[in-house]
């Protein structure tokens, strides 16, 4: 199991999403376990985040509020269908990349995800 976790944290490429994007460009990602945060933060050589335009918010305060009052309740309801629950265990805030070519954000004009 540890080898699988290590492989996920050091993946060559990772594709995922974010819970909020601020107008200044901060990306906010919340997680219960934090398993996807290591490759997002620095483990993967290339990161691609695909996110809906509805996730753009004015500032970091609004982004964190969106995670707690919008995204988390919806994820909790989704997981209840499988007899599970959700919570916020860890939050990653990406302000900028040291290597700008490492990360790409694809902003989709239609609502996707929550």
N, C-alpha and C. Protein backbone atom coordinates (compact mmCIF):
# COMPACT_ATOMS: atom_id res chain seq x y z
N UNK A 1 0.83 -1.20 0.00
CA UNK A 1 0.00 0.00 0.00
C UNK A 1 0.87 1.26 0.00
N UNK A 2 1.94 1.25 0.78
CA UNK A 2 2.81 2.42 0.85
C UNK A 2 3.41 2.73 -0.51
N UNK A 3 3.75 1.71 -1.29
CA UNK A 3 4.32 1.93 -2.63
C UNK A 3 3.31 2.62 -3.54
N UNK A 4 2.03 2.28 -3.41
CA UNK A 4 0.99 2.92 -4.23
C UNK A 4 0.86 4.39 -3.85
N UNK A 5 0.88 4.69 -2.57
CA UNK A 5 0.80 6.08 -2.11
C UNK A 5 2.01 6.86 -2.61
N UNK A 6 3.20 6.27 -2.50
CA UNK A 6 4.42 6.93 -2.96
C UNK A 6 4.36 7.19 -4.47
N UNK A 7 3.89 6.22 -5.24
CA UNK A 7 3.78 6.38 -6.69
C UNK A 7 2.81 7.52 -7.02
N UNK A 8 1.70 7.60 -6.32
CA UNK A 8 0.74 8.68 -6.55
C UNK A 8 1.31 10.04 -6.22
N UNK A 9 2.15 10.11 -5.21
CA UNK A 9 2.74 11.39 -4.80
C UNK A 9 3.84 11.84 -5.73
N UNK A 10 4.42 10.92 -6.50
CA UNK A 10 5.53 11.27 -7.38
C UNK A 10 5.19 11.00 -8.85
N UNK A 11 3.94 11.09 -9.19
CA UNK A 11 3.52 10.82 -10.57
C UNK A 11 4.16 11.82 -11.54
N UNK A 12 4.39 11.36 -12.75
CA UNK A 12 4.94 12.23 -13.78
C UNK A 12 3.93 13.34 -14.12
N UNK A 13 2.67 12.93 -14.34
CA UNK A 13 1.59 13.86 -14.66
C UNK A 13 0.43 13.60 -13.72
N UNK A 14 -0.28 14.66 -13.36
CA UNK A 14 -1.50 14.51 -12.58
C UNK A 14 -2.54 15.48 -13.15
N UNK A 15 -3.76 14.98 -13.30
CA UNK A 15 -4.88 15.79 -13.78
C UNK A 15 -5.93 15.79 -12.69
N UNK A 16 -6.43 16.96 -12.35
CA UNK A 16 -7.43 17.05 -11.31
C UNK A 16 -8.22 18.33 -11.44
N UNK A 17 -8.78 18.76 -10.33
CA UNK A 17 -9.58 19.98 -10.33
C UNK A 17 -9.32 20.74 -9.03
N UNK A 18 -9.96 21.87 -8.91
CA UNK A 18 -9.85 22.70 -7.72
C UNK A 18 -11.25 23.05 -7.24
N UNK A 19 -11.36 23.53 -6.02
CA UNK A 19 -12.66 23.93 -5.49
C UNK A 19 -12.94 25.40 -5.71
N UNK A 20 -11.88 26.20 -5.86
CA UNK A 20 -12.07 27.63 -6.09
C UNK A 20 -10.82 28.23 -6.74
N UNK A 21 -11.05 29.27 -7.52
CA UNK A 21 -9.98 30.04 -8.15
C UNK A 21 -10.28 31.51 -7.85
N UNK A 22 -9.31 32.22 -7.26
CA UNK A 22 -9.56 33.63 -6.99
C UNK A 22 -9.24 34.47 -8.22
N UNK A 23 -9.77 35.66 -8.26
CA UNK A 23 -9.50 36.57 -9.38
C UNK A 23 -8.02 36.90 -9.48
N UNK A 24 -7.29 36.80 -8.37
CA UNK A 24 -5.84 37.02 -8.38
C UNK A 24 -5.07 35.79 -8.84
N UNK A 25 -5.77 34.64 -8.95
CA UNK A 25 -5.12 33.43 -9.44
C UNK A 25 -4.78 32.38 -8.41
N UNK A 26 -5.18 32.57 -7.15
CA UNK A 26 -4.96 31.52 -6.15
C UNK A 26 -5.88 30.33 -6.46
N UNK A 27 -5.35 29.13 -6.26
CA UNK A 27 -6.13 27.91 -6.42
C UNK A 27 -6.34 27.30 -5.04
N UNK A 28 -7.56 26.88 -4.74
CA UNK A 28 -7.87 26.30 -3.44
C UNK A 28 -8.41 24.89 -3.64
N UNK A 29 -7.76 23.93 -3.01
CA UNK A 29 -8.16 22.53 -3.11
C UNK A 29 -8.31 21.98 -1.70
N UNK A 30 -9.46 21.39 -1.41
CA UNK A 30 -9.70 20.78 -0.10
C UNK A 30 -9.75 19.27 -0.26
N UNK A 31 -9.39 18.58 0.81
CA UNK A 31 -9.35 17.12 0.78
C UNK A 31 -9.57 16.56 2.17
N UNK A 32 -10.21 15.41 2.25
CA UNK A 32 -10.35 14.74 3.53
C UNK A 32 -9.01 14.10 3.92
N UNK A 33 -8.45 13.29 3.04
CA UNK A 33 -7.22 12.57 3.37
C UNK A 33 -5.95 13.31 2.96
N UNK A 34 -6.05 14.16 1.95
CA UNK A 34 -4.89 14.87 1.45
C UNK A 34 -4.10 14.09 0.41
N UNK A 35 -4.60 12.93 0.00
CA UNK A 35 -3.83 12.06 -0.89
C UNK A 35 -3.48 12.71 -2.23
N UNK A 36 -4.35 13.57 -2.75
CA UNK A 36 -4.05 14.21 -4.03
C UNK A 36 -3.23 15.49 -3.88
N UNK A 37 -3.04 15.96 -2.66
CA UNK A 37 -2.38 17.25 -2.47
C UNK A 37 -0.87 17.20 -2.69
N UNK A 38 -0.22 16.10 -2.34
CA UNK A 38 1.23 16.02 -2.52
C UNK A 38 1.65 16.16 -3.99
N UNK A 39 1.02 15.42 -4.92
CA UNK A 39 1.41 15.62 -6.31
C UNK A 39 1.02 17.01 -6.82
N UNK A 40 -0.08 17.55 -6.34
CA UNK A 40 -0.47 18.91 -6.75
C UNK A 40 0.57 19.92 -6.28
N UNK A 41 1.01 19.78 -5.03
CA UNK A 41 1.92 20.76 -4.44
C UNK A 41 3.32 20.70 -5.03
N UNK A 42 3.86 19.49 -5.20
CA UNK A 42 5.22 19.42 -5.72
C UNK A 42 5.65 18.06 -6.24
N UNK A 43 4.88 17.02 -5.98
CA UNK A 43 5.32 15.67 -6.34
C UNK A 43 5.32 15.38 -7.83
N UNK A 44 4.30 15.84 -8.54
CA UNK A 44 4.21 15.56 -9.97
C UNK A 44 5.05 16.54 -10.78
N UNK A 45 5.58 16.05 -11.88
CA UNK A 45 6.38 16.92 -12.75
C UNK A 45 5.48 17.91 -13.50
N UNK A 46 4.29 17.48 -13.89
CA UNK A 46 3.32 18.34 -14.58
C UNK A 46 1.96 18.17 -13.93
N UNK A 47 1.25 19.29 -13.74
CA UNK A 47 -0.08 19.29 -13.15
C UNK A 47 -1.03 20.02 -14.08
N UNK A 48 -2.19 19.42 -14.32
CA UNK A 48 -3.24 20.06 -15.10
C UNK A 48 -4.49 20.07 -14.24
N UNK A 49 -5.02 21.27 -13.98
CA UNK A 49 -6.28 21.41 -13.25
C UNK A 49 -7.35 21.85 -14.22
N UNK A 50 -8.44 21.10 -14.30
CA UNK A 50 -9.58 21.44 -15.14
C UNK A 50 -10.69 21.87 -14.20
N UNK A 51 -11.20 23.07 -14.41
CA UNK A 51 -12.20 23.60 -13.48
C UNK A 51 -13.25 24.44 -14.19
N UNK A 52 -14.44 24.45 -13.64
CA UNK A 52 -15.52 25.24 -14.21
C UNK A 52 -15.40 26.71 -13.83
N UNK A 53 -15.84 27.56 -14.73
CA UNK A 53 -15.77 29.01 -14.51
C UNK A 53 -16.61 29.46 -13.31
N UNK A 54 -17.58 28.65 -12.90
CA UNK A 54 -18.41 29.01 -11.75
C UNK A 54 -17.60 29.02 -10.45
N UNK A 55 -16.39 28.48 -10.49
CA UNK A 55 -15.55 28.41 -9.29
C UNK A 55 -14.67 29.63 -9.09
N UNK A 56 -14.75 30.59 -10.01
CA UNK A 56 -13.97 31.83 -9.87
C UNK A 56 -14.66 32.73 -8.86
N UNK A 57 -13.90 33.17 -7.87
CA UNK A 57 -14.43 34.01 -6.80
C UNK A 57 -13.51 35.22 -6.62
N UNK A 58 -14.00 36.27 -5.96
CA UNK A 58 -13.20 37.51 -5.85
C UNK A 58 -11.89 37.37 -5.08
N UNK A 59 -11.90 36.62 -3.96
CA UNK A 59 -10.72 36.63 -3.09
C UNK A 59 -10.60 35.32 -2.31
N UNK A 60 -9.53 35.20 -1.56
CA UNK A 60 -9.24 33.99 -0.81
C UNK A 60 -10.29 33.70 0.27
N UNK A 61 -10.75 34.73 0.94
CA UNK A 61 -11.79 34.55 1.95
C UNK A 61 -13.04 33.92 1.34
N UNK A 62 -13.45 34.43 0.19
CA UNK A 62 -14.62 33.89 -0.50
C UNK A 62 -14.35 32.47 -0.98
N UNK A 63 -13.12 32.19 -1.41
CA UNK A 63 -12.76 30.85 -1.86
C UNK A 63 -12.90 29.84 -0.73
N UNK A 64 -12.39 30.18 0.44
CA UNK A 64 -12.48 29.27 1.58
C UNK A 64 -13.93 29.09 2.03
N UNK A 65 -14.70 30.15 1.97
CA UNK A 65 -16.13 30.06 2.31
C UNK A 65 -16.83 29.15 1.30
N UNK A 66 -16.46 29.25 0.01
CA UNK A 66 -17.06 28.41 -1.02
C UNK A 66 -16.77 26.93 -0.75
N UNK A 67 -15.55 26.63 -0.35
CA UNK A 67 -15.17 25.24 -0.05
C UNK A 67 -16.05 24.69 1.07
N UNK A 68 -16.21 25.47 2.14
CA UNK A 68 -16.93 24.98 3.32
C UNK A 68 -18.45 24.98 3.14
N UNK A 69 -19.00 25.99 2.49
CA UNK A 69 -20.46 26.11 2.44
C UNK A 69 -21.08 25.60 1.15
N UNK A 70 -20.28 25.37 0.12
CA UNK A 70 -20.82 24.90 -1.16
C UNK A 70 -20.27 23.52 -1.53
N UNK A 71 -18.97 23.41 -1.68
CA UNK A 71 -18.36 22.17 -2.15
C UNK A 71 -18.50 21.02 -1.14
N UNK A 72 -18.15 21.27 0.11
CA UNK A 72 -18.21 20.22 1.12
C UNK A 72 -19.61 19.63 1.29
N UNK A 73 -20.66 20.43 1.43
CA UNK A 73 -21.99 19.82 1.58
C UNK A 73 -22.39 18.95 0.38
N UNK A 74 -22.02 19.36 -0.81
CA UNK A 74 -22.36 18.57 -2.00
C UNK A 74 -21.56 17.27 -2.05
N UNK A 75 -20.28 17.34 -1.69
CA UNK A 75 -19.47 16.12 -1.64
C UNK A 75 -19.98 15.18 -0.55
N UNK A 76 -20.38 15.74 0.56
CA UNK A 76 -20.92 14.94 1.66
C UNK A 76 -22.18 14.19 1.19
N UNK A 77 -23.10 14.92 0.52
CA UNK A 77 -24.33 14.29 0.01
C UNK A 77 -24.00 13.20 -1.02
N UNK A 78 -23.02 13.46 -1.89
CA UNK A 78 -22.64 12.49 -2.91
C UNK A 78 -22.13 11.20 -2.25
N UNK A 79 -21.30 11.33 -1.23
CA UNK A 79 -20.73 10.16 -0.58
C UNK A 79 -21.74 9.40 0.28
N UNK A 80 -22.78 10.09 0.75
CA UNK A 80 -23.80 9.41 1.55
C UNK A 80 -24.49 8.30 0.76
N UNK A 81 -24.53 8.44 -0.57
CA UNK A 81 -25.11 7.40 -1.42
C UNK A 81 -24.33 6.09 -1.29
N UNK A 82 -23.06 6.18 -0.86
CA UNK A 82 -22.22 5.00 -0.70
C UNK A 82 -22.00 4.66 0.77
N UNK A 83 -22.78 5.29 1.65
CA UNK A 83 -22.67 5.03 3.07
C UNK A 83 -21.46 5.67 3.72
N UNK A 84 -20.91 6.71 3.09
CA UNK A 84 -19.73 7.39 3.63
C UNK A 84 -20.08 8.85 3.91
N UNK A 85 -19.13 9.56 4.50
CA UNK A 85 -19.30 10.99 4.71
C UNK A 85 -18.02 11.70 4.30
N UNK A 86 -18.05 13.00 4.29
CA UNK A 86 -16.87 13.76 3.91
C UNK A 86 -16.59 14.83 4.95
N UNK A 87 -15.36 15.29 4.95
CA UNK A 87 -14.94 16.37 5.84
C UNK A 87 -13.71 17.00 5.22
N UNK A 88 -13.34 18.16 5.71
CA UNK A 88 -12.12 18.81 5.26
C UNK A 88 -11.02 18.46 6.24
N UNK A 89 -10.03 17.74 5.76
CA UNK A 89 -8.88 17.38 6.57
C UNK A 89 -7.69 18.29 6.29
N UNK A 90 -7.57 18.66 5.02
CA UNK A 90 -6.43 19.48 4.59
C UNK A 90 -6.87 20.40 3.46
N UNK A 91 -6.26 21.58 3.41
CA UNK A 91 -6.53 22.54 2.34
C UNK A 91 -5.19 22.99 1.76
N UNK A 92 -5.10 22.93 0.44
CA UNK A 92 -3.92 23.42 -0.26
C UNK A 92 -4.29 24.72 -0.97
N UNK A 93 -3.49 25.74 -0.77
CA UNK A 93 -3.65 27.01 -1.47
C UNK A 93 -2.41 27.20 -2.33
N UNK A 94 -2.61 27.24 -3.63
CA UNK A 94 -1.50 27.46 -4.57
C UNK A 94 -1.52 28.93 -4.96
N UNK A 95 -0.47 29.63 -4.59
CA UNK A 95 -0.37 31.06 -4.91
C UNK A 95 0.38 31.27 -6.22
N UNK A 96 1.45 30.51 -6.41
CA UNK A 96 2.21 30.54 -7.66
C UNK A 96 3.13 29.35 -7.70
N UNK A 97 3.61 29.06 -8.88
CA UNK A 97 4.54 27.95 -9.07
C UNK A 97 5.97 28.48 -9.21
N UNK A 98 6.91 27.77 -8.65
CA UNK A 98 8.32 28.13 -8.84
C UNK A 98 8.73 27.89 -10.29
N UNK A 99 8.15 26.86 -10.89
CA UNK A 99 8.39 26.55 -12.31
C UNK A 99 7.07 26.76 -13.05
N UNK A 100 6.88 27.93 -13.66
CA UNK A 100 5.59 28.27 -14.27
C UNK A 100 5.10 27.25 -15.30
N UNK A 101 6.00 26.58 -15.99
CA UNK A 101 5.59 25.61 -17.01
C UNK A 101 5.11 24.29 -16.40
N UNK A 102 5.23 24.13 -15.09
CA UNK A 102 4.83 22.90 -14.41
C UNK A 102 3.32 22.73 -14.34
N UNK A 103 2.58 23.83 -14.18
CA UNK A 103 1.14 23.73 -13.94
C UNK A 103 0.34 24.46 -15.00
N UNK A 104 -0.83 23.87 -15.32
CA UNK A 104 -1.75 24.47 -16.28
C UNK A 104 -3.15 24.43 -15.68
N UNK A 105 -3.87 25.53 -15.82
CA UNK A 105 -5.27 25.58 -15.41
C UNK A 105 -6.11 25.71 -16.68
N UNK A 106 -7.05 24.79 -16.84
CA UNK A 106 -7.98 24.84 -17.96
C UNK A 106 -9.32 25.30 -17.39
N UNK A 107 -9.73 26.49 -17.75
CA UNK A 107 -10.98 27.05 -17.24
C UNK A 107 -12.07 26.80 -18.28
N UNK A 108 -13.05 25.98 -17.89
CA UNK A 108 -14.14 25.61 -18.77
C UNK A 108 -15.30 26.57 -18.55
N UNK A 109 -15.85 27.09 -19.61
CA UNK A 109 -16.89 28.12 -19.48
C UNK A 109 -18.21 27.61 -18.90
N UNK A 110 -18.47 26.34 -18.99
CA UNK A 110 -19.71 25.82 -18.43
C UNK A 110 -19.45 25.22 -17.04
N UNK A 111 -20.47 25.18 -16.20
CA UNK A 111 -20.28 24.65 -14.85
C UNK A 111 -19.92 23.16 -14.87
N UNK A 112 -18.82 22.83 -14.21
CA UNK A 112 -18.45 21.42 -14.01
C UNK A 112 -17.99 21.26 -12.57
N UNK A 113 -18.34 20.16 -11.99
CA UNK A 113 -17.92 19.87 -10.63
C UNK A 113 -18.55 20.81 -9.61
N UNK A 114 -18.09 20.67 -8.37
CA UNK A 114 -18.55 21.54 -7.30
C UNK A 114 -17.42 21.81 -6.36
